[in-house]
Amino acid sequence: MESVDDFRRMTKLRECVFGLVGDGFVIAAADASPGYNFTGDNTTEDKITVLDSHKLVAAVGFPADRHKIMHSIEDNWDGITWATESTANFIRAKLNNALNNGEVERLSMLVAGYDEVEGPSLYHIDGNASMKKVEKGVFDGNGCYYNLRMVNNRYDRRMSLEDAIRLVDDCMAELKSRRVMKTPYYGVKIVDKDGVRVHIPVQNCVIRSSR
């Protein structure tokens, strides 16, 4: 019988969250595997939650931990239009409290948003609740090893939305070619001055949206 540690280790292998900031926009992408089975079937879960018209958070980790922290964030979201940095600090504090209280073990999160003055921005919150502003990155699971070089080689802060989407699609195609990742489905959302919208990759099936 598999232990909880074995299950967490196996779940982590197939998960991946990545994002990048471009010329007037930010993209966040996460695998759509629910984490409960390892057969790579058609079951999907949207791990990118829209917080308001111009902000979203992507979270990957053990399913029970992910659901618990996301419900806590949504339950305490008061509808105030915060800046993206303030939103990221709020989420980091929620994760830190949950870790200190033993409510969750480990999650990896990206907070993406667009502000009128700041423009697009992206923040990574790691499993220790440490937060850093980033321009691009691939985090958690084996996806880090397969996509980090591609993102580093092709990323340009001034890149167009079309080029960024092509890069994200290529990253997902690379992950899908790796058997260890197993899941064929990924969720992708874009934030710019016009708000949040969903990108449906050409090789993806439509997945259930959280909003």
C-alpha atoms as a PDB file:
ATOM      1  CA  MET A   1       0.000   0.000   0.000  1.00  0.00           C
ATOM      2  CA  GLU A   2       1.352   3.430  -0.928  1.00  0.00           C
ATOM      3  CA  SER A   3       2.115   5.841   1.898  1.00  0.00           C
ATOM      4  CA  VAL A   4       0.991   9.465   1.927  1.00  0.00           C
ATOM      5  CA  ASP A   5       4.591  10.492   1.185  1.00  0.00           C
ATOM      6  CA  ASP A   6       4.648   8.190  -1.852  1.00  0.00           C
ATOM      7  CA  PHE A   7       1.401   9.685  -3.104  1.00  0.00           C
ATOM      8  CA  ARG A   8       2.665  13.253  -2.668  1.00  0.00           C
ATOM      9  CA  ARG A   9       5.905  12.384  -4.477  1.00  0.00           C
ATOM     10  CA  MET A  10       4.045  10.796  -7.398  1.00  0.00           C
ATOM     11  CA  THR A  11       1.603  13.699  -7.616  1.00  0.00           C
ATOM     12  CA  LYS A  12       4.438  16.216  -7.712  1.00  0.00           C
ATOM     13  CA  LEU A  13       6.043  14.445 -10.668  1.00  0.00           C
ATOM     14  CA  ARG A  14       3.131  15.136 -12.983  1.00  0.00           C
ATOM     15  CA  GLU A  15       2.414  18.701 -11.960  1.00  0.00           C
ATOM     16  CA  CYS A  16       3.728  21.912 -13.441  1.00  0.00           C
ATOM     17  CA  VAL A  17       2.921  25.610 -13.265  1.00  0.00           C
ATOM     18  CA  PHE A  18       4.609  28.244 -15.407  1.00  0.00           C
ATOM     19  CA  GLY A  19       4.119  31.808 -16.511  1.00  0.00           C
ATOM     20  CA  LEU A  20       5.669  34.832 -18.191  1.00  0.00           C
ATOM     21  CA  VAL A  21       5.242  38.577 -18.543  1.00  0.00           C
ATOM     22  CA  GLY A  22       5.237  40.078 -22.007  1.00  0.00           C
ATOM     23  CA  ASP A  23       4.530  43.399 -23.668  1.00  0.00           C
ATOM     24  CA  GLY A  24       1.337  44.473 -21.872  1.00  0.00           C
ATOM     25  CA  PHE A  25       0.179  41.050 -20.677  1.00  0.00           C
ATOM     26  CA  VAL A  26       0.955  38.129 -18.371  1.00  0.00           C
ATOM     27  CA  ILE A  27       0.243  34.424 -18.998  1.00  0.00           C
ATOM     28  CA  ALA A  28      -0.160  31.686 -16.406  1.00  0.00           C
ATOM     29  CA  ALA A  29      -0.382  27.989 -17.257  1.00  0.00           C
ATOM     30  CA  ALA A  30      -0.877  24.885 -15.118  1.00  0.00           C
ATOM     31  CA  ASP A  31      -1.425  21.214 -15.768  1.00  0.00           C
ATOM     32  CA  ALA A  32      -5.040  20.061 -15.492  1.00  0.00           C
ATOM     33  CA  SER A  33      -4.352  16.751 -13.778  1.00  0.00           C
ATOM     34  CA  PRO A  34      -6.545  16.306 -10.674  1.00  0.00           C
ATOM     35  CA  GLY A  35      -3.745  14.358  -9.035  1.00  0.00           C
ATOM     36  CA  TYR A  36      -5.872  11.429  -7.902  1.00  0.00           C
ATOM     37  CA  ASN A  37      -4.989   8.945 -10.618  1.00  0.00           C
ATOM     38  CA  PHE A  38      -1.951   8.218 -12.727  1.00  0.00           C
ATOM     39  CA  THR A  39      -3.488   6.821 -15.885  1.00  0.00           C
ATOM     40  CA  GLY A  40      -3.608  10.104 -17.799  1.00  0.00           C
ATOM     41  CA  ASP A  41      -7.324   9.818 -18.585  1.00  0.00           C
ATOM     42  CA  ASN A  42      -9.695  12.619 -19.553  1.00  0.00           C
ATOM     43  CA  THR A  43     -10.391  13.806 -16.003  1.00  0.00           C
ATOM     44  CA  THR A  44      -9.327  17.454 -15.683  1.00  0.00           C
ATOM     45  CA  GLU A  45      -9.247  20.203 -13.094  1.00  0.00           C
ATOM     46  CA  ASP A  46      -8.723  23.920 -13.570  1.00  0.00           C
ATOM     47  CA  LYS A  47      -5.928  24.981 -11.207  1.00  0.00           C
ATOM     48  CA  ILE A  48      -5.984  28.649 -12.256  1.00  0.00           C
ATOM     49  CA  THR A  49      -8.525  30.606 -10.202  1.00  0.00           C
ATOM     50  CA  VAL A  50      -9.725  34.057 -11.283  1.00  0.00           C
ATOM     51  CA  LEU A  51      -9.843  36.379  -8.258  1.00  0.00           C
ATOM     52  CA  ASP A  52     -11.218  39.460  -9.978  1.00  0.00           C
ATOM     53  CA  SER A  53     -11.342  41.046 -13.420  1.00  0.00           C
ATOM     54  CA  HIS A  54      -7.557  41.530 -13.629  1.00  0.00           C
ATOM     55  CA  LYS A  55      -6.005  39.008 -11.235  1.00  0.00           C
ATOM     56  CA  LEU A  56      -5.630  35.254 -10.979  1.00  0.00           C
ATOM     57  CA  VAL A  57      -3.742  32.652  -8.991  1.00  0.00           C
ATOM     58  CA  ALA A  58      -2.434  29.263 -10.174  1.00  0.00           C
ATOM     59  CA  ALA A  59      -1.709  26.614  -7.548  1.00  0.00           C
ATOM     60  CA  VAL A  60      -0.230  23.123  -7.790  1.00  0.00           C
ATOM     61  CA  GLY A  61       0.451  20.654  -5.021  1.00  0.00           C
ATOM     62  CA  PHE A  62      -1.234  17.866  -3.086  1.00  0.00           C
ATOM     63  CA  PRO A  63      -4.951  18.110  -4.045  1.00  0.00           C
ATOM     64  CA  ALA A  64      -6.340  18.371  -0.498  1.00  0.00           C
ATOM     65  CA  ASP A  65      -3.827  21.121   0.353  1.00  0.00           C
ATOM     66  CA  ARG A  66      -4.565  22.978  -2.863  1.00  0.00           C
ATOM     67  CA  HIS A  67      -8.317  22.887  -2.355  1.00  0.00           C
ATOM     68  CA  LYS A  68      -8.022  23.941   1.285  1.00  0.00           C
ATOM     69  CA  ILE A  69      -5.862  26.993   0.652  1.00  0.00           C
ATOM     70  CA  MET A  70      -7.836  28.101  -2.400  1.00  0.00           C
ATOM     71  CA  HIS A  71     -11.132  27.859  -0.501  1.00  0.00           C
ATOM     72  CA  SER A  72      -9.572  29.878   2.310  1.00  0.00           C
ATOM     73  CA  ILE A  73      -8.411  32.569  -0.114  1.00  0.00           C
ATOM     74  CA  GLU A  74     -11.778  32.788  -1.865  1.00  0.00           C
ATOM     75  CA  ASP A  75     -13.726  32.787   1.411  1.00  0.00           C
ATOM     76  CA  ASN A  76     -11.658  35.717   2.693  1.00  0.00           C
ATOM     77  CA  TRP A  77     -11.559  37.638  -0.568  1.00  0.00           C
ATOM     78  CA  ASP A  78     -13.511  40.807   0.214  1.00  0.00           C
ATOM     79  CA  GLY A  79     -13.813  42.122  -3.312  1.00  0.00           C
ATOM     80  CA  ILE A  80     -11.455  45.067  -2.753  1.00  0.00           C
ATOM     81  CA  THR A  81      -9.546  45.952  -5.893  1.00  0.00           C
ATOM     82  CA  TRP A  82      -6.005  45.426  -4.653  1.00  0.00           C
ATOM     83  CA  ALA A  83      -2.812  45.890  -6.631  1.00  0.00           C
ATOM     84  CA  THR A  84      -1.253  42.638  -7.812  1.00  0.00           C
ATOM     85  CA  GLU A  85       1.613  42.931  -5.314  1.00  0.00           C
ATOM     86  CA  SER A  86      -0.844  43.413  -2.429  1.00  0.00           C
ATOM     87  CA  THR A  87      -2.833  40.422  -3.653  1.00  0.00           C
ATOM     88  CA  ALA A  88       0.304  38.293  -3.765  1.00  0.00           C
ATOM     89  CA  ASN A  89       1.232  39.374  -0.231  1.00  0.00           C
ATOM     90  CA  PHE A  90      -2.264  38.475   0.986  1.00  0.00           C
ATOM     91  CA  ILE A  91      -2.002  35.000  -0.560  1.00  0.00           C
ATOM     92  CA  ARG A  92       1.540  34.518   0.761  1.00  0.00           C
ATOM     93  CA  ALA A  93       0.313  35.362   4.284  1.00  0.00           C
ATOM     94  CA  LYS A  94      -2.578  32.866   3.973  1.00  0.00           C
ATOM     95  CA  LEU A  95      -0.195  30.132   2.849  1.00  0.00           C
ATOM     96  CA  ASN A  96       2.309  30.978   5.594  1.00  0.00           C
ATOM     97  CA  ASN A  97      -0.387  30.757   8.285  1.00  0.00           C
ATOM     98  CA  ALA A  98      -1.631  27.452   6.883  1.00  0.00           C
ATOM     99  CA  LEU A  99       1.912  26.043   6.874  1.00  0.00           C
ATOM    100  CA  ASN A 100       2.592  27.207  10.431  1.00  0.00           C
ATOM    101  CA  ASN A 101      -0.681  25.688  11.642  1.00  0.00           C
ATOM    102  CA  GLY A 102       0.007  22.396   9.920  1.00  0.00           C
ATOM    103  CA  GLU A 103      -3.054  22.745   7.686  1.00  0.00           C
ATOM    104  CA  VAL A 104      -1.104  22.208   4.460  1.00  0.00           C
ATOM    105  CA  GLU A 105       2.330  20.808   3.639  1.00  0.00           C
ATOM    106  CA  ARG A 106       3.535  22.190   0.326  1.00  0.00           C
ATOM    107  CA  LEU A 107       2.149  24.198  -2.573  1.00  0.00           C
ATOM    108  CA  SER A 108       3.614  26.172  -5.447  1.00  0.00           C
ATOM    109  CA  MET A 109       1.653  29.229  -6.557  1.00  0.00           C
ATOM    110  CA  LEU A 110       1.776  31.946  -9.191  1.00  0.00           C
ATOM    111  CA  VAL A 111      -0.111  35.224  -8.814  1.00  0.00           C
ATOM    112  CA  ALA A 112      -0.617  37.141 -12.060  1.00  0.00           C
ATOM    113  CA  GLY A 113      -2.315  40.455 -12.614  1.00  0.00           C
ATOM    114  CA  TYR A 114      -2.546  43.721 -14.505  1.00  0.00           C
ATOM    115  CA  ASP A 115      -2.601  47.130 -12.801  1.00  0.00           C
ATOM    116  CA  GLU A 116      -3.263  50.462 -14.458  1.00  0.00           C
ATOM    117  CA  VAL A 117       0.011  51.975 -13.232  1.00  0.00           C
ATOM    118  CA  GLU A 118       2.259  48.925 -12.801  1.00  0.00           C
ATOM    119  CA  GLY A 119       1.038  47.063 -15.867  1.00  0.00           C
ATOM    120  CA  PRO A 120       1.402  43.252 -15.980  1.00  0.00           C
ATOM    121  CA  SER A 121       3.239  41.476 -13.164  1.00  0.00           C
ATOM    122  CA  LEU A 122       3.876  37.944 -11.925  1.00  0.00           C
ATOM    123  CA  TYR A 123       4.762  36.657  -8.446  1.00  0.00           C
ATOM    124  CA  HIS A 124       5.937  33.201  -7.442  1.00  0.00           C
ATOM    125  CA  ILE A 125       5.151  31.853  -3.945  1.00  0.00           C
ATOM    126  CA  ASP A 126       7.085  28.684  -3.171  1.00  0.00           C
ATOM    127  CA  GLY A 127       6.388  25.815  -0.802  1.00  0.00           C
ATOM    128  CA  ASN A 128       7.922  27.700   2.127  1.00  0.00           C
ATOM    129  CA  ALA A 129       5.676  30.747   1.552  1.00  0.00           C
ATOM    130  CA  SER A 130       8.585  32.801   0.230  1.00  0.00           C
ATOM    131  CA  MET A 131       7.527  35.258  -2.452  1.00  0.00           C
ATOM    132  CA  LYS A 132       9.453  36.721  -5.373  1.00  0.00           C
ATOM    133  CA  LYS A 133       8.491  38.915  -8.289  1.00  0.00           C
ATOM    134  CA  VAL A 134       9.483  37.207 -11.536  1.00  0.00           C
ATOM    135  CA  GLU A 135       9.260  37.868 -15.262  1.00  0.00           C
ATOM    136  CA  LYS A 136       9.126  34.208 -16.273  1.00  0.00           C
ATOM    137  CA  GLY A 137       9.593  30.769 -14.849  1.00  0.00           C
ATOM    138  CA  VAL A 138       8.660  27.100 -14.690  1.00  0.00           C
ATOM    139  CA  PHE A 139       7.956  25.780 -11.223  1.00  0.00           C
ATOM    140  CA  ASP A 140       7.307  22.499  -9.421  1.00  0.00           C
ATOM    141  CA  GLY A 141       7.388  18.914 -10.611  1.00  0.00           C
ATOM    142  CA  ASN A 142       9.347  17.452 -13.505  1.00  0.00           C
ATOM    143  CA  GLY A 143       8.058  20.165 -15.816  1.00  0.00           C
ATOM    144  CA  CYS A 144      10.828  22.396 -14.481  1.00  0.00           C
ATOM    145  CA  TYR A 145      13.501  20.227 -16.037  1.00  0.00           C
ATOM    146  CA  TYR A 146      11.824  19.874 -19.423  1.00  0.00           C
ATOM    147  CA  ASN A 147      10.742  23.466 -20.028  1.00  0.00           C
ATOM    148  CA  LEU A 148      13.123  25.762 -18.157  1.00  0.00           C
ATOM    149  CA  ARG A 149      15.749  25.818 -20.917  1.00  0.00           C
ATOM    150  CA  MET A 150      13.127  26.485 -23.603  1.00  0.00           C
ATOM    151  CA  VAL A 151      11.655  29.375 -21.631  1.00  0.00           C
ATOM    152  CA  ASN A 152      15.071  30.855 -20.814  1.00  0.00           C
ATOM    153  CA  ASN A 153      16.258  30.621 -24.420  1.00  0.00           C
ATOM    154  CA  ARG A 154      13.168  32.078 -26.060  1.00  0.00           C
ATOM    155  CA  TYR A 155      11.820  34.536 -23.499  1.00  0.00           C
ATOM    156  CA  ASP A 156      11.938  38.261 -24.209  1.00  0.00           C
ATOM    157  CA  ARG A 157      10.273  40.828 -21.937  1.00  0.00           C
ATOM    158  CA  ARG A 158       9.130  42.690 -25.055  1.00  0.00           C
ATOM    159  CA  MET A 159       7.691  39.613 -26.758  1.00  0.00           C
ATOM    160  CA  SER A 160       4.249  39.884 -28.354  1.00  0.00           C
ATOM    161  CA  LEU A 161       1.225  37.979 -27.161  1.00  0.00           C
ATOM    162  CA  GLU A 162       1.362  35.801 -30.272  1.00  0.00           C
ATOM    163  CA  ASP A 163       4.990  34.838 -29.597  1.00  0.00           C
ATOM    164  CA  ALA A 164       4.228  34.178 -25.920  1.00  0.00           C
ATOM    165  CA  ILE A 165       1.289  31.921 -26.772  1.00  0.00           C
ATOM    166  CA  ARG A 166       3.484  30.036 -29.243  1.00  0.00           C
ATOM    167  CA  LEU A 167       6.096  29.538 -26.509  1.00  0.00           C
ATOM    168  CA  VAL A 168       3.496  28.314 -24.000  1.00  0.00           C
ATOM    169  CA  ASP A 169       2.016  25.934 -26.562  1.00  0.00           C
ATOM    170  CA  ASP A 170       5.494  24.575 -27.348  1.00  0.00           C
ATOM    171  CA  CYS A 171       6.166  24.100 -23.634  1.00  0.00           C
ATOM    172  CA  MET A 172       2.948  22.117 -23.261  1.00  0.00           C
ATOM    173  CA  ALA A 173       3.767  20.041 -26.340  1.00  0.00           C
ATOM    174  CA  GLU A 174       7.167  19.231 -24.833  1.00  0.00           C
ATOM    175  CA  LEU A 175       5.592  18.194 -21.516  1.00  0.00           C
ATOM    176  CA  LYS A 176       3.033  16.033 -23.295  1.00  0.00           C
ATOM    177  CA  SER A 177       5.864  14.183 -25.053  1.00  0.00           C
ATOM    178  CA  ARG A 178       7.304  13.125 -21.692  1.00  0.00           C
ATOM    179  CA  ARG A 179       5.690   9.989 -20.303  1.00  0.00           C
ATOM    180  CA  VAL A 180       6.499  10.911 -16.721  1.00  0.00           C
ATOM    181  CA  MET A 181       4.183  13.943 -16.933  1.00  0.00           C
ATOM    182  CA  LYS A 182       1.281  11.716 -17.994  1.00  0.00           C
ATOM    183  CA  THR A 183      -1.425  14.411 -18.202  1.00  0.00           C
ATOM    184  CA  PRO A 184      -2.204  15.653 -21.741  1.00  0.00           C
ATOM    185  CA  TYR A 185      -4.242  18.682 -20.609  1.00  0.00           C
ATOM    186  CA  TYR A 186      -3.196  22.157 -19.521  1.00  0.00           C
ATOM    187  CA  GLY A 187      -5.086  25.299 -18.555  1.00  0.00           C
ATOM    188  CA  VAL A 188      -3.848  28.674 -19.773  1.00  0.00           C
ATOM    189  CA  LYS A 189      -5.141  32.133 -18.871  1.00  0.00           C
ATOM    190  CA  ILE A 190      -4.042  35.583 -20.020  1.00  0.00           C
ATOM    191  CA  VAL A 191      -4.342  38.899 -18.156  1.00  0.00           C
ATOM    192  CA  ASP A 192      -3.983  42.293 -19.815  1.00  0.00           C
ATOM    193  CA  LYS A 193      -5.629  45.717 -19.702  1.00  0.00           C
ATOM    194  CA  ASP A 194      -8.878  44.187 -20.951  1.00  0.00           C
ATOM    195  CA  GLY A 195      -9.038  41.614 -18.134  1.00  0.00           C
ATOM    196  CA  VAL A 196      -8.696  37.847 -17.813  1.00  0.00           C
ATOM    197  CA  ARG A 197      -9.392  35.460 -20.657  1.00  0.00           C
ATOM    198  CA  VAL A 198      -8.839  31.776 -21.351  1.00  0.00           C
ATOM    199  CA  HIS A 199      -6.488  30.504 -24.045  1.00  0.00           C
ATOM    200  CA  ILE A 200      -7.445  27.120 -25.474  1.00  0.00           C
ATOM    201  CA  PRO A 201      -4.315  25.402 -26.821  1.00  0.00           C
ATOM    202  CA  VAL A 202      -4.776  23.746 -30.199  1.00  0.00           C
ATOM    203  CA  GLN A 203      -3.679  20.389 -28.778  1.00  0.00           C
ATOM    204  CA  ASN A 204      -5.822  20.687 -25.658  1.00  0.00           C
ATOM    205  CA  CYS A 205      -9.372  19.623 -24.905  1.00  0.00           C
ATOM    206  CA  VAL A 206     -11.599  22.230 -23.269  1.00  0.00           C
ATOM    207  CA  ILE A 207     -11.278  21.882 -19.505  1.00  0.00           C
ATOM    208  CA  ARG A 208     -13.687  22.828 -16.769  1.00  0.00           C
ATOM    209  CA  SER A 209     -13.122  26.462 -15.710  1.00  0.00           C
ATOM    210  CA  SER A 210     -13.092  27.589 -12.085  1.00  0.00           C
ATOM    211  CA  ARG A 211     -14.880  30.810 -13.043  1.00  0.00           C
END
